């Protein structure tokens, strides 16, 4: 939450709420995830 809370969509969400308008989110999961994502290691299953 800390990493995503510092992004532009966080500020847009607050601004749109205060201005009583629909948000215009620009961030996308496909390109804007934090550097540490994914944090798990893939396992090999037999």
N, C-alpha and C. Protein backbone atom coordinates (compact mmCIF):
# COMPACT_ATOMS: atom_id res chain seq x y z
N UNK A 1 0.82 -1.18 0.00
CA UNK A 1 0.00 0.00 0.00
C UNK A 1 0.86 1.25 0.00
N UNK A 2 1.98 1.17 0.67
CA UNK A 2 2.84 2.36 0.74
C UNK A 2 3.36 2.73 -0.65
N UNK A 3 3.81 1.73 -1.41
CA UNK A 3 4.36 2.00 -2.74
C UNK A 3 3.29 2.53 -3.68
N UNK A 4 2.12 1.93 -3.69
CA UNK A 4 1.06 2.36 -4.58
C UNK A 4 0.41 3.66 -4.12
N UNK A 5 0.44 3.92 -2.83
CA UNK A 5 -0.13 5.15 -2.29
C UNK A 5 0.65 6.39 -2.67
N UNK A 6 1.86 6.21 -3.14
CA UNK A 6 2.67 7.34 -3.57
C UNK A 6 2.54 7.61 -5.06
N UNK A 7 1.71 6.82 -5.75
CA UNK A 7 1.55 6.98 -7.19
C UNK A 7 0.54 8.05 -7.55
N UNK A 8 0.46 8.33 -8.83
CA UNK A 8 -0.42 9.39 -9.31
C UNK A 8 -1.90 9.04 -9.15
N UNK A 9 -2.24 7.75 -9.21
CA UNK A 9 -3.64 7.36 -9.05
C UNK A 9 -4.16 7.65 -7.65
N UNK A 10 -3.30 7.59 -6.68
CA UNK A 10 -3.71 7.91 -5.31
C UNK A 10 -4.13 9.37 -5.20
N UNK A 11 -3.34 10.25 -5.74
CA UNK A 11 -3.67 11.68 -5.72
C UNK A 11 -4.93 11.95 -6.54
N UNK A 12 -5.07 11.26 -7.67
CA UNK A 12 -6.27 11.44 -8.51
C UNK A 12 -7.52 10.97 -7.78
N UNK A 13 -7.42 9.89 -7.04
CA UNK A 13 -8.57 9.39 -6.29
C UNK A 13 -9.03 10.38 -5.24
N UNK A 14 -8.11 10.97 -4.52
CA UNK A 14 -8.46 11.97 -3.51
C UNK A 14 -9.03 13.23 -4.16
N UNK A 15 -8.38 13.69 -5.22
CA UNK A 15 -8.84 14.91 -5.90
C UNK A 15 -10.24 14.72 -6.48
N UNK A 16 -10.48 13.59 -7.12
CA UNK A 16 -11.80 13.36 -7.71
C UNK A 16 -12.88 13.26 -6.64
N UNK A 17 -12.55 12.67 -5.50
CA UNK A 17 -13.51 12.60 -4.40
C UNK A 17 -13.84 14.00 -3.89
N UNK A 18 -12.83 14.80 -3.68
CA UNK A 18 -13.06 16.16 -3.16
C UNK A 18 -13.82 17.04 -4.15
N UNK A 19 -13.59 16.80 -5.45
CA UNK A 19 -14.24 17.60 -6.49
C UNK A 19 -15.56 16.99 -6.95
N UNK A 20 -15.93 15.86 -6.33
CA UNK A 20 -17.19 15.15 -6.65
C UNK A 20 -17.32 14.85 -8.14
N UNK A 21 -16.29 14.22 -8.68
CA UNK A 21 -16.28 13.82 -10.09
C UNK A 21 -15.74 12.40 -10.21
N UNK A 22 -15.94 11.81 -11.37
CA UNK A 22 -15.41 10.47 -11.61
C UNK A 22 -13.89 10.54 -11.76
N UNK A 23 -13.17 9.58 -11.19
CA UNK A 23 -11.71 9.60 -11.30
C UNK A 23 -11.23 9.23 -12.71
N UNK A 24 -10.08 9.75 -13.07
CA UNK A 24 -9.44 9.42 -14.35
C UNK A 24 -8.09 8.77 -14.02
N UNK A 25 -8.13 7.50 -13.65
CA UNK A 25 -6.92 6.79 -13.27
C UNK A 25 -6.07 6.49 -14.50
N UNK A 26 -4.78 6.75 -14.41
CA UNK A 26 -3.86 6.55 -15.52
C UNK A 26 -2.94 5.34 -15.34
N UNK A 27 -2.73 4.90 -14.11
CA UNK A 27 -1.83 3.79 -13.86
C UNK A 27 -2.47 2.47 -14.30
N UNK A 28 -1.63 1.51 -14.73
CA UNK A 28 -2.09 0.20 -15.17
C UNK A 28 -1.25 -0.88 -14.49
N UNK A 29 -1.89 -1.98 -14.14
CA UNK A 29 -1.20 -3.10 -13.51
C UNK A 29 -0.10 -3.64 -14.42
N UNK A 30 -0.36 -3.66 -15.71
CA UNK A 30 0.60 -4.23 -16.66
C UNK A 30 1.92 -3.46 -16.74
N UNK A 31 1.96 -2.20 -16.30
CA UNK A 31 3.21 -1.43 -16.42
C UNK A 31 3.61 -0.66 -15.17
N UNK A 32 2.74 -0.51 -14.19
CA UNK A 32 3.01 0.39 -13.07
C UNK A 32 3.11 -0.28 -11.70
N UNK A 33 3.37 -1.58 -11.68
CA UNK A 33 3.53 -2.25 -10.39
C UNK A 33 4.88 -1.87 -9.78
N UNK A 34 5.02 -1.93 -8.47
CA UNK A 34 6.30 -1.60 -7.81
C UNK A 34 7.43 -2.54 -8.25
N UNK A 35 8.67 -2.10 -8.07
CA UNK A 35 9.83 -2.88 -8.50
C UNK A 35 9.94 -4.24 -7.81
N UNK A 36 9.43 -4.35 -6.59
CA UNK A 36 9.56 -5.61 -5.86
C UNK A 36 8.49 -6.63 -6.23
N UNK A 37 7.60 -6.30 -7.14
CA UNK A 37 6.57 -7.23 -7.58
C UNK A 37 7.07 -8.03 -8.75
N UNK A 38 6.88 -9.32 -8.86
CA UNK A 38 6.30 -10.21 -7.86
C UNK A 38 7.32 -10.55 -6.79
N UNK A 39 6.87 -10.68 -5.59
CA UNK A 39 7.77 -10.91 -4.46
C UNK A 39 7.94 -12.40 -4.16
N UNK A 40 7.21 -13.25 -4.83
CA UNK A 40 7.33 -14.67 -4.59
C UNK A 40 8.24 -15.31 -5.63
N UNK A 41 8.68 -16.51 -5.33
CA UNK A 41 9.49 -17.28 -6.28
C UNK A 41 8.64 -18.41 -6.85
N UNK A 42 8.68 -18.57 -8.15
CA UNK A 42 7.93 -19.65 -8.77
C UNK A 42 8.51 -21.00 -8.38
N UNK A 43 7.64 -21.92 -8.08
CA UNK A 43 8.06 -23.28 -7.72
C UNK A 43 7.85 -24.22 -8.89
N UNK A 44 8.71 -25.20 -8.99
CA UNK A 44 8.53 -26.24 -10.01
C UNK A 44 7.77 -27.39 -9.38
N UNK A 45 6.73 -27.81 -10.04
CA UNK A 45 5.95 -28.94 -9.56
C UNK A 45 6.10 -30.09 -10.55
N UNK A 46 6.16 -31.29 -10.01
CA UNK A 46 6.31 -32.45 -10.91
C UNK A 46 5.00 -33.16 -11.11
